[in-house]
């Protein structure tokens, strides 16, 4: 048991020397600053829309269904983008 305690103490000292146990700096609860968060939100929305558009367009061409699948997947892509932005701004909970 003494070996385990000694190992834990040395491990904590090594982590402290390397800065691994330092608390992360947070600005307003979100890391990255305003520009970083704004850029991430924009990328999340646009990428989800582009993926939905591409899937809908490809399925419409393959199945010959006209604009219906394109419209459906654009709406699904927009919903996925909004959900991703929601996840960015919600605080993370610990393990359940």
PDB file of N, CA and C in Angstrom:
ATOM      1  N   UNK A   1       0.819  -1.187   0.000  1.00  0.00           N
ATOM      2  CA  UNK A   1       0.000   0.000   0.000  1.00  0.00           C
ATOM      3  C   UNK A   1       0.866   1.255   0.000  1.00  0.00           C
ATOM      4  N   UNK A   2       2.026   1.166   0.650  1.00  0.00           N
ATOM      5  CA  UNK A   2       2.935   2.311   0.690  1.00  0.00           C
ATOM      6  C   UNK A   2       3.467   2.620  -0.695  1.00  0.00           C
ATOM      7  N   UNK A   3       3.688   1.569  -1.497  1.00  0.00           N
ATOM      8  CA  UNK A   3       4.160   1.784  -2.858  1.00  0.00           C
ATOM      9  C   UNK A   3       3.118   2.541  -3.670  1.00  0.00           C
ATOM     10  N   UNK A   4       1.877   2.197  -3.470  1.00  0.00           N
ATOM     11  CA  UNK A   4       0.781   2.875  -4.192  1.00  0.00           C
ATOM     12  C   UNK A   4       0.706   4.350  -3.798  1.00  0.00           C
ATOM     13  N   UNK A   5       0.795   4.660  -2.508  1.00  0.00           N
ATOM     14  CA  UNK A   5       0.745   6.049  -2.040  1.00  0.00           C
ATOM     15  C   UNK A   5       1.929   6.839  -2.576  1.00  0.00           C
ATOM     16  N   UNK A   6       3.105   6.213  -2.575  1.00  0.00           N
ATOM     17  CA  UNK A   6       4.300   6.878  -3.085  1.00  0.00           C
ATOM     18  C   UNK A   6       4.157   7.154  -4.584  1.00  0.00           C
ATOM     19  N   UNK A   7       3.626   6.178  -5.312  1.00  0.00           N
ATOM     20  CA  UNK A   7       3.410   6.365  -6.744  1.00  0.00           C
ATOM     21  C   UNK A   7       2.424   7.498  -7.011  1.00  0.00           C
ATOM     22  N   UNK A   8       1.305   7.540  -6.277  1.00  0.00           N
ATOM     23  CA  UNK A   8       0.311   8.598  -6.452  1.00  0.00           C
ATOM     24  C   UNK A   8       0.906   9.972  -6.177  1.00  0.00           C
ATOM     25  N   UNK A   9       1.734  10.077  -5.126  1.00  0.00           N
ATOM     26  CA  UNK A   9       2.358  11.350  -4.781  1.00  0.00           C
ATOM     27  C   UNK A   9       3.308  11.782  -5.895  1.00  0.00           C
ATOM     28  N   UNK A  10       4.129  10.859  -6.393  1.00  0.00           N
ATOM     29  CA  UNK A  10       5.065  11.204  -7.467  1.00  0.00           C
ATOM     30  C   UNK A  10       4.323  11.558  -8.757  1.00  0.00           C
ATOM     31  N   UNK A  11       3.229  10.862  -9.015  1.00  0.00           N
ATOM     32  CA  UNK A  11       2.438  11.164 -10.194  1.00  0.00           C
ATOM     33  C   UNK A  11       1.838  12.564 -10.117  1.00  0.00           C
ATOM     34  N   UNK A  12       1.300  12.936  -8.977  1.00  0.00           N
ATOM     35  CA  UNK A  12       0.741  14.275  -8.802  1.00  0.00           C
ATOM     36  C   UNK A  12       1.811  15.345  -8.946  1.00  0.00           C
ATOM     37  N   UNK A  13       3.002  15.098  -8.397  1.00  0.00           N
ATOM     38  CA  UNK A  13       4.083  16.068  -8.542  1.00  0.00           C
ATOM     39  C   UNK A  13       4.494  16.228  -9.999  1.00  0.00           C
ATOM     40  N   UNK A  14       4.584  15.119 -10.724  1.00  0.00           N
ATOM     41  CA  UNK A  14       4.959  15.178 -12.138  1.00  0.00           C
ATOM     42  C   UNK A  14       3.891  15.906 -12.952  1.00  0.00           C
ATOM     43  N   UNK A  15       2.630  15.634 -12.671  1.00  0.00           N
ATOM     44  CA  UNK A  15       1.549  16.326 -13.397  1.00  0.00           C
ATOM     45  C   UNK A  15       1.556  17.814 -13.106  1.00  0.00           C
ATOM     46  N   UNK A  16       1.851  18.184 -11.857  1.00  0.00           N
ATOM     47  CA  UNK A  16       1.909  19.605 -11.492  1.00  0.00           C
ATOM     48  C   UNK A  16       3.076  20.282 -12.207  1.00  0.00           C
ATOM     49  N   UNK A  17       4.227  19.605 -12.301  1.00  0.00           N
ATOM     50  CA  UNK A  17       5.377  20.191 -13.001  1.00  0.00           C
ATOM     51  C   UNK A  17       5.082  20.406 -14.475  1.00  0.00           C
ATOM     52  N   UNK A  18       4.335  19.508 -15.078  1.00  0.00           N
ATOM     53  CA  UNK A  18       4.010  19.611 -16.497  1.00  0.00           C
ATOM     54  C   UNK A  18       2.818  20.538 -16.757  1.00  0.00           C
ATOM     55  N   UNK A  19       2.139  20.972 -15.707  1.00  0.00           N
ATOM     56  CA  UNK A  19       0.978  21.849 -15.881  1.00  0.00           C
ATOM     57  C   UNK A  19      -0.270  21.117 -16.309  1.00  0.00           C
ATOM     58  N   UNK A  20      -0.336  19.827 -16.082  1.00  0.00           N
ATOM     59  CA  UNK A  20      -1.495  19.045 -16.511  1.00  0.00           C
ATOM     60  C   UNK A  20      -2.680  19.166 -15.567  1.00  0.00           C
ATOM     61  N   UNK A  21      -2.434  19.560 -14.332  1.00  0.00           N
ATOM     62  CA  UNK A  21      -3.518  19.677 -13.370  1.00  0.00           C
ATOM     63  C   UNK A  21      -4.015  21.103 -13.223  1.00  0.00           C
ATOM     64  N   UNK A  22      -3.509  22.021 -14.026  1.00  0.00           N
ATOM     65  CA  UNK A  22      -3.943  23.416 -13.945  1.00  0.00           C
ATOM     66  C   UNK A  22      -5.372  23.527 -14.457  1.00  0.00           C
ATOM     67  N   UNK A  23      -6.165  24.364 -13.821  1.00  0.00           N
ATOM     68  CA  UNK A  23      -7.545  24.581 -14.252  1.00  0.00           C
ATOM     69  C   UNK A  23      -7.548  25.317 -15.587  1.00  0.00           C
ATOM     70  N   UNK A  24      -8.389  24.907 -16.542  1.00  0.00           N
ATOM     71  CA  UNK A  24      -8.433  25.590 -17.830  1.00  0.00           C
ATOM     72  C   UNK A  24      -8.987  27.001 -17.677  1.00  0.00           C
ATOM     73  N   UNK A  25      -8.424  27.910 -18.458  1.00  0.00           N
ATOM     74  CA  UNK A  25      -8.905  29.288 -18.436  1.00  0.00           C
ATOM     75  C   UNK A  25     -10.196  29.373 -19.235  1.00  0.00           C
ATOM     76  N   UNK A  26     -11.169  30.031 -18.658  1.00  0.00           N
ATOM     77  CA  UNK A  26     -12.452  30.173 -19.346  1.00  0.00           C
ATOM     78  C   UNK A  26     -12.810  31.647 -19.424  1.00  0.00           C
ATOM     79  N   UNK A  27     -13.345  32.005 -20.543  1.00  0.00           N
ATOM     80  CA  UNK A  27     -13.807  33.385 -20.747  1.00  0.00           C
ATOM     81  C   UNK A  27     -15.312  33.358 -20.888  1.00  0.00           C
ATOM     82  N   UNK A  28     -16.002  33.766 -19.873  1.00  0.00           N
ATOM     83  CA  UNK A  28     -17.461  33.786 -19.944  1.00  0.00           C
ATOM     84  C   UNK A  28     -18.058  32.393 -20.027  1.00  0.00           C
ATOM     85  N   UNK A  29     -17.346  31.391 -19.550  1.00  0.00           N
ATOM     86  CA  UNK A  29     -17.868  30.040 -19.565  1.00  0.00           C
ATOM     87  C   UNK A  29     -17.581  29.275 -20.844  1.00  0.00           C
ATOM     88  N   UNK A  30     -17.082  29.946 -21.887  1.00  0.00           N
ATOM     89  CA  UNK A  30     -16.801  29.276 -23.149  1.00  0.00           C
ATOM     90  C   UNK A  30     -15.352  29.529 -23.554  1.00  0.00           C
ATOM     91  N   UNK A  31     -14.591  28.489 -23.839  1.00  0.00           N
ATOM     92  CA  UNK A  31     -13.203  28.685 -24.251  1.00  0.00           C
ATOM     93  C   UNK A  31     -13.121  29.189 -25.681  1.00  0.00           C
ATOM     94  N   UNK A  32     -12.064  29.911 -26.005  1.00  0.00           N
ATOM     95  CA  UNK A  32     -11.840  30.320 -27.385  1.00  0.00           C
ATOM     96  C   UNK A  32     -12.155  31.770 -27.677  1.00  0.00           C
ATOM     97  N   UNK A  33     -12.786  32.473 -26.803  1.00  0.00           N
ATOM     98  CA  UNK A  33     -13.098  33.872 -27.051  1.00  0.00           C
ATOM     99  C   UNK A  33     -14.262  34.032 -28.010  1.00  0.00           C
ATOM    100  N   UNK A  34     -14.662  35.260 -28.190  1.00  0.00           N
ATOM    101  CA  UNK A  34     -15.837  35.565 -29.002  1.00  0.00           C
ATOM    102  C   UNK A  34     -15.628  35.234 -30.476  1.00  0.00           C
ATOM    103  N   UNK A  35     -14.458  35.555 -31.020  1.00  0.00           N
ATOM    104  CA  UNK A  35     -14.208  35.278 -32.434  1.00  0.00           C
ATOM    105  C   UNK A  35     -14.188  33.780 -32.708  1.00  0.00           C
ATOM    106  N   UNK A  36     -13.572  33.031 -31.823  1.00  0.00           N
ATOM    107  CA  UNK A  36     -13.505  31.579 -32.004  1.00  0.00           C
ATOM    108  C   UNK A  36     -14.875  30.936 -31.951  1.00  0.00           C
ATOM    109  N   UNK A  37     -15.686  31.387 -31.014  1.00  0.00           N
ATOM    110  CA  UNK A  37     -17.032  30.824 -30.887  1.00  0.00           C
ATOM    111  C   UNK A  37     -17.901  31.232 -32.070  1.00  0.00           C
ATOM    112  N   UNK A  38     -17.784  32.485 -32.488  1.00  0.00           N
ATOM    113  CA  UNK A  38     -18.545  32.934 -33.650  1.00  0.00           C
ATOM    114  C   UNK A  38     -18.174  32.163 -34.906  1.00  0.00           C
ATOM    115  N   UNK A  39     -16.881  31.939 -35.089  1.00  0.00           N
ATOM    116  CA  UNK A  39     -16.426  31.172 -36.250  1.00  0.00           C
ATOM    117  C   UNK A  39     -16.933  29.741 -36.178  1.00  0.00           C
ATOM    118  N   UNK A  40     -16.870  29.138 -34.998  1.00  0.00           N
ATOM    119  CA  UNK A  40     -17.337  27.751 -34.853  1.00  0.00           C
ATOM    120  C   UNK A  40     -18.827  27.648 -35.138  1.00  0.00           C
ATOM    121  N   UNK A  41     -19.614  28.591 -34.626  1.00  0.00           N
ATOM    122  CA  UNK A  41     -21.059  28.570 -34.852  1.00  0.00           C
ATOM    123  C   UNK A  41     -21.359  28.696 -36.345  1.00  0.00           C
ATOM    124  N   UNK A  42     -20.656  29.606 -37.012  1.00  0.00           N
ATOM    125  CA  UNK A  42     -20.865  29.769 -38.447  1.00  0.00           C
ATOM    126  C   UNK A  42     -20.518  28.518 -39.227  1.00  0.00           C
ATOM    127  N   UNK A  43     -19.398  27.904 -38.883  1.00  0.00           N
ATOM    128  CA  UNK A  43     -18.984  26.680 -39.568  1.00  0.00           C
ATOM    129  C   UNK A  43     -19.968  25.549 -39.301  1.00  0.00           C
ATOM    130  N   UNK A  44     -20.441  25.449 -38.064  1.00  0.00           N
ATOM    131  CA  UNK A  44     -21.409  24.386 -37.728  1.00  0.00           C
ATOM    132  C   UNK A  44     -22.679  24.532 -38.563  1.00  0.00           C
ATOM    133  N   UNK A  45     -23.201  25.739 -38.653  1.00  0.00           N
ATOM    134  CA  UNK A  45     -24.443  25.948 -39.409  1.00  0.00           C
ATOM    135  C   UNK A  45     -24.252  25.703 -40.903  1.00  0.00           C
ATOM    136  N   UNK A  46     -23.213  26.296 -41.460  1.00  0.00           N
ATOM    137  CA  UNK A  46     -23.006  26.179 -42.909  1.00  0.00           C
ATOM    138  C   UNK A  46     -22.680  24.744 -43.298  1.00  0.00           C
ATOM    139  N   UNK A  47     -21.826  24.074 -42.523  1.00  0.00           N
ATOM    140  CA  UNK A  47     -21.462  22.707 -42.898  1.00  0.00           C
ATOM    141  C   UNK A  47     -22.663  21.763 -42.812  1.00  0.00           C
ATOM    142  N   UNK A  48     -23.504  21.927 -41.805  1.00  0.00           N
ATOM    143  CA  UNK A  48     -24.688  21.072 -41.708  1.00  0.00           C
ATOM    144  C   UNK A  48     -25.629  21.313 -42.884  1.00  0.00           C
ATOM    145  N   UNK A  49     -25.792  22.566 -43.280  1.00  0.00           N
ATOM    146  CA  UNK A  49     -26.641  22.867 -44.436  1.00  0.00           C
ATOM    147  C   UNK A  49     -26.053  22.299 -45.728  1.00  0.00           C
ATOM    148  N   UNK A  50     -24.757  22.428 -45.907  1.00  0.00           N
ATOM    149  CA  UNK A  50     -24.113  21.926 -47.130  1.00  0.00           C
ATOM    150  C   UNK A  50     -24.223  20.405 -47.207  1.00  0.00           C
ATOM    151  N   UNK A  51     -24.016  19.724 -46.086  1.00  0.00           N
ATOM    152  CA  UNK A  51     -24.132  18.261 -46.088  1.00  0.00           C
ATOM    153  C   UNK A  51     -25.574  17.853 -46.401  1.00  0.00           C
ATOM    154  N   UNK A  52     -26.547  18.498 -45.789  1.00  0.00           N
ATOM    155  CA  UNK A  52     -27.942  18.190 -46.086  1.00  0.00           C
ATOM    156  C   UNK A  52     -28.291  18.461 -47.539  1.00  0.00           C
ATOM    157  N   UNK A  53     -27.799  19.564 -48.067  1.00  0.00           N
ATOM    158  CA  UNK A  53     -28.038  19.912 -49.465  1.00  0.00           C
ATOM    159  C   UNK A  53     -27.420  18.868 -50.387  1.00  0.00           C
ATOM    160  N   UNK A  54     -26.201  18.456 -50.113  1.00  0.00           N
ATOM    161  CA  UNK A  54     -25.519  17.488 -50.972  1.00  0.00           C
ATOM    162  C   UNK A  54     -26.213  16.130 -50.936  1.00  0.00           C
ATOM    163  N   UNK A  55     -26.613  15.677 -49.761  1.00  0.00           N
ATOM    164  CA  UNK A  55     -27.292  14.383 -49.662  1.00  0.00           C
ATOM    165  C   UNK A  55     -28.637  14.437 -50.391  1.00  0.00           C
ATOM    166  N   UNK A  56     -29.406  15.503 -50.176  1.00  0.00           N
ATOM    167  CA  UNK A  56     -30.698  15.633 -50.854  1.00  0.00           C
ATOM    168  C   UNK A  56     -30.565  15.717 -52.353  1.00  0.00           C
ATOM    169  N   UNK A  57     -29.591  16.477 -52.836  1.00  0.00           N
ATOM    170  CA  UNK A  57     -29.371  16.608 -54.274  1.00  0.00           C
ATOM    171  C   UNK A  57     -28.986  15.268 -54.887  1.00  0.00           C
ATOM    172  N   UNK A  58     -28.066  14.547 -54.209  1.00  0.00           N
ATOM    173  CA  UNK A  58     -27.611  13.259 -54.739  1.00  0.00           C
ATOM    174  C   UNK A  58     -28.755  12.239 -54.763  1.00  0.00           C
ATOM    175  N   UNK A  59     -29.542  12.198 -53.707  1.00  0.00           N
ATOM    176  CA  UNK A  59     -30.663  11.252 -53.679  1.00  0.00           C
ATOM    177  C   UNK A  59     -31.719  11.608 -54.718  1.00  0.00           C
ATOM    178  N   UNK A  60     -31.980  12.902 -54.915  1.00  0.00           N
ATOM    179  CA  UNK A  60     -32.944  13.314 -55.937  1.00  0.00           C
ATOM    180  C   UNK A  60     -32.478  12.913 -57.329  1.00  0.00           C
ATOM    181  N   UNK A  61     -31.200  13.072 -57.606  1.00  0.00           N
ATOM    182  CA  UNK A  61     -30.683  12.677 -58.929  1.00  0.00           C
ATOM    183  C   UNK A  61     -30.729  11.164 -59.092  1.00  0.00           C
ATOM    184  N   UNK A  62     -30.400  10.437 -58.046  1.00  0.00           N
ATOM    185  CA  UNK A  62     -30.354   8.977 -58.128  1.00  0.00           C
ATOM    186  C   UNK A  62     -31.759   8.377 -58.255  1.00  0.00           C
ATOM    187  N   UNK A  63     -32.704   8.905 -57.448  1.00  0.00           N
ATOM    188  CA  UNK A  63     -34.054   8.345 -57.429  1.00  0.00           C
ATOM    189  C   UNK A  63     -35.028   9.061 -58.355  1.00  0.00           C
ATOM    190  N   UNK A  64     -34.653  10.228 -58.882  1.00  0.00           N
ATOM    191  CA  UNK A  64     -35.521  10.987 -59.773  1.00  0.00           C
ATOM    192  C   UNK A  64     -36.767  11.516 -59.098  1.00  0.00           C
ATOM    193  N   UNK A  65     -36.633  11.975 -57.863  1.00  0.00           N
ATOM    194  CA  UNK A  65     -37.806  12.410 -57.098  1.00  0.00           C
ATOM    195  C   UNK A  65     -38.031  13.913 -57.140  1.00  0.00           C
ATOM    196  N   UNK A  66     -37.307  14.622 -57.988  1.00  0.00           N
ATOM    197  CA  UNK A  66     -37.516  16.066 -58.061  1.00  0.00           C
ATOM    198  C   UNK A  66     -36.901  16.775 -56.871  1.00  0.00           C
ATOM    199  N   UNK A  67     -37.449  17.889 -56.463  1.00  0.00           N
ATOM    200  CA  UNK A  67     -36.793  18.642 -55.390  1.00  0.00           C
ATOM    201  C   UNK A  67     -37.185  18.188 -53.989  1.00  0.00           C
ATOM    202  N   UNK A  68     -37.962  17.124 -53.861  1.00  0.00           N
ATOM    203  CA  UNK A  68     -38.528  16.803 -52.553  1.00  0.00           C
ATOM    204  C   UNK A  68     -37.498  16.329 -51.537  1.00  0.00           C
ATOM    205  N   UNK A  69     -36.624  15.452 -51.932  1.00  0.00           N
ATOM    206  CA  UNK A  69     -35.592  15.002 -50.993  1.00  0.00           C
ATOM    207  C   UNK A  69     -34.578  16.111 -50.707  1.00  0.00           C
ATOM    208  N   UNK A  70     -34.324  16.947 -51.698  1.00  0.00           N
ATOM    209  CA  UNK A  70     -33.447  18.095 -51.485  1.00  0.00           C
ATOM    210  C   UNK A  70     -34.025  19.002 -50.410  1.00  0.00           C
ATOM    211  N   UNK A  71     -35.293  19.309 -50.520  1.00  0.00           N
ATOM    212  CA  UNK A  71     -35.936  20.160 -49.520  1.00  0.00           C
ATOM    213  C   UNK A  71     -35.944  19.503 -48.142  1.00  0.00           C
ATOM    214  N   UNK A  72     -36.233  18.209 -48.104  1.00  0.00           N
ATOM    215  CA  UNK A  72     -36.256  17.489 -46.832  1.00  0.00           C
ATOM    216  C   UNK A  72     -34.891  17.515 -46.158  1.00  0.00           C
ATOM    217  N   UNK A  73     -33.835  17.234 -46.914  1.00  0.00           N
ATOM    218  CA  UNK A  73     -32.520  17.168 -46.318  1.00  0.00           C
ATOM    219  C   UNK A  73     -31.945  18.543 -46.002  1.00  0.00           C
ATOM    220  N   UNK A  74     -32.369  19.577 -46.692  1.00  0.00           N
ATOM    221  CA  UNK A  74     -31.961  20.935 -46.300  1.00  0.00           C
ATOM    222  C   UNK A  74     -32.577  21.281 -44.949  1.00  0.00           C
ATOM    223  N   UNK A  75     -33.833  20.921 -44.747  1.00  0.00           N
ATOM    224  CA  UNK A  75     -34.475  21.166 -43.452  1.00  0.00           C
ATOM    225  C   UNK A  75     -33.792  20.338 -42.356  1.00  0.00           C
ATOM    226  N   UNK A  76     -33.493  19.065 -42.653  1.00  0.00           N
ATOM    227  CA  UNK A  76     -32.792  18.243 -41.666  1.00  0.00           C
ATOM    228  C   UNK A  76     -31.390  18.782 -41.375  1.00  0.00           C
ATOM    229  N   UNK A  77     -30.700  19.276 -42.392  1.00  0.00           N
ATOM    230  CA  UNK A  77     -29.385  19.867 -42.191  1.00  0.00           C
ATOM    231  C   UNK A  77     -29.456  21.124 -41.342  1.00  0.00           C
ATOM    232  N   UNK A  78     -30.470  21.944 -41.586  1.00  0.00           N
ATOM    233  CA  UNK A  78     -30.643  23.152 -40.767  1.00  0.00           C
ATOM    234  C   UNK A  78     -30.930  22.785 -39.317  1.00  0.00           C
ATOM    235  N   UNK A  79     -31.757  21.763 -39.112  1.00  0.00           N
ATOM    236  CA  UNK A  79     -32.041  21.325 -37.744  1.00  0.00           C
ATOM    237  C   UNK A  79     -30.788  20.779 -37.072  1.00  0.00           C
ATOM    238  N   UNK A  80     -29.975  20.037 -37.810  1.00  0.00           N
ATOM    239  CA  UNK A  80     -28.724  19.518 -37.248  1.00  0.00           C
ATOM    240  C   UNK A  80     -27.776  20.658 -36.907  1.00  0.00           C
ATOM    241  N   UNK A  81     -27.723  21.680 -37.742  1.00  0.00           N
ATOM    242  CA  UNK A  81     -26.866  22.831 -37.460  1.00  0.00           C
ATOM    243  C   UNK A  81     -27.303  23.574 -36.210  1.00  0.00           C
ATOM    244  N   UNK A  82     -28.607  23.771 -36.060  1.00  0.00           N
ATOM    245  CA  UNK A  82     -29.123  24.444 -34.860  1.00  0.00           C
ATOM    246  C   UNK A  82     -28.852  23.594 -33.620  1.00  0.00           C
ATOM    247  N   UNK A  83     -28.990  22.277 -33.729  1.00  0.00           N
ATOM    248  CA  UNK A  83     -28.687  21.400 -32.600  1.00  0.00           C
ATOM    249  C   UNK A  83     -27.208  21.477 -32.222  1.00  0.00           C
ATOM    250  N   UNK A  84     -26.335  21.537 -33.216  1.00  0.00           N
ATOM    251  CA  UNK A  84     -24.903  21.669 -32.931  1.00  0.00           C
ATOM    252  C   UNK A  84     -24.592  22.994 -32.240  1.00  0.00           C
ATOM    253  N   UNK A  85     -25.224  24.065 -32.667  1.00  0.00           N
ATOM    254  CA  UNK A  85     -25.012  25.365 -32.023  1.00  0.00           C
ATOM    255  C   UNK A  85     -25.552  25.330 -30.596  1.00  0.00           C
ATOM    256  N   UNK A  86     -26.666  24.673 -30.387  1.00  0.00           N
ATOM    257  CA  UNK A  86     -27.219  24.518 -29.040  1.00  0.00           C
ATOM    258  C   UNK A  86     -26.221  23.796 -28.138  1.00  0.00           C
ATOM    259  N   UNK A  87     -25.592  22.753 -28.679  1.00  0.00           N
ATOM    260  CA  UNK A  87     -24.595  22.013 -27.902  1.00  0.00           C
ATOM    261  C   UNK A  87     -23.373  22.857 -27.573  1.00  0.00           C
ATOM    262  N   UNK A  88     -23.020  23.784 -28.445  1.00  0.00           N
ATOM    263  CA  UNK A  88     -21.874  24.657 -28.177  1.00  0.00           C
ATOM    264  C   UNK A  88     -22.150  25.536 -26.966  1.00  0.00           C
ATOM    265  N   UNK A  89     -23.351  26.044 -26.847  1.00  0.00           N
ATOM    266  CA  UNK A  89     -23.651  27.018 -25.807  1.00  0.00           C
ATOM    267  C   UNK A  89     -24.170  26.415 -24.507  1.00  0.00           C
ATOM    268  N   UNK A  90     -24.526  25.141 -24.521  1.00  0.00           N
ATOM    269  CA  UNK A  90     -24.988  24.517 -23.274  1.00  0.00           C
ATOM    270  C   UNK A  90     -23.798  24.069 -22.447  1.00  0.00           C
ATOM    271  N   UNK A  91     -23.851  24.279 -21.128  1.00  0.00           N
ATOM    272  CA  UNK A  91     -22.740  23.823 -20.291  1.00  0.00           C
ATOM    273  C   UNK A  91     -22.717  22.293 -20.260  1.00  0.00           C
ATOM    274  N   UNK A  92     -21.500  21.764 -20.198  1.00  0.00           N
ATOM    275  CA  UNK A  92     -21.349  20.308 -20.170  1.00  0.00           C
ATOM    276  C   UNK A  92     -21.583  19.790 -18.776  1.00  0.00           C
ATOM    277  N   UNK A  93     -22.265  18.666 -18.725  1.00  0.00           N
ATOM    278  CA  UNK A  93     -22.498  18.004 -17.442  1.00  0.00           C
ATOM    279  C   UNK A  93     -21.456  16.917 -17.272  1.00  0.00           C
ATOM    280  N   UNK A  94     -21.226  16.557 -16.032  1.00  0.00           N
ATOM    281  CA  UNK A  94     -20.283  15.491 -15.731  1.00  0.00           C
ATOM    282  C   UNK A  94     -20.838  14.152 -16.135  1.00  0.00           C
ATOM    283  N   UNK A  95     -20.065  13.093 -15.953  1.00  0.00           N
ATOM    284  CA  UNK A  95     -20.554  11.752 -16.290  1.00  0.00           C
ATOM    285  C   UNK A  95     -21.721  11.356 -15.416  1.00  0.00           C
ATOM    286  N   UNK A  96     -22.632  10.623 -15.997  1.00  0.00           N
ATOM    287  CA  UNK A  96     -23.838  10.232 -15.282  1.00  0.00           C
ATOM    288  C   UNK A  96     -23.653   8.942 -14.555  1.00  0.00           C
TER     289      UNK A  96
END
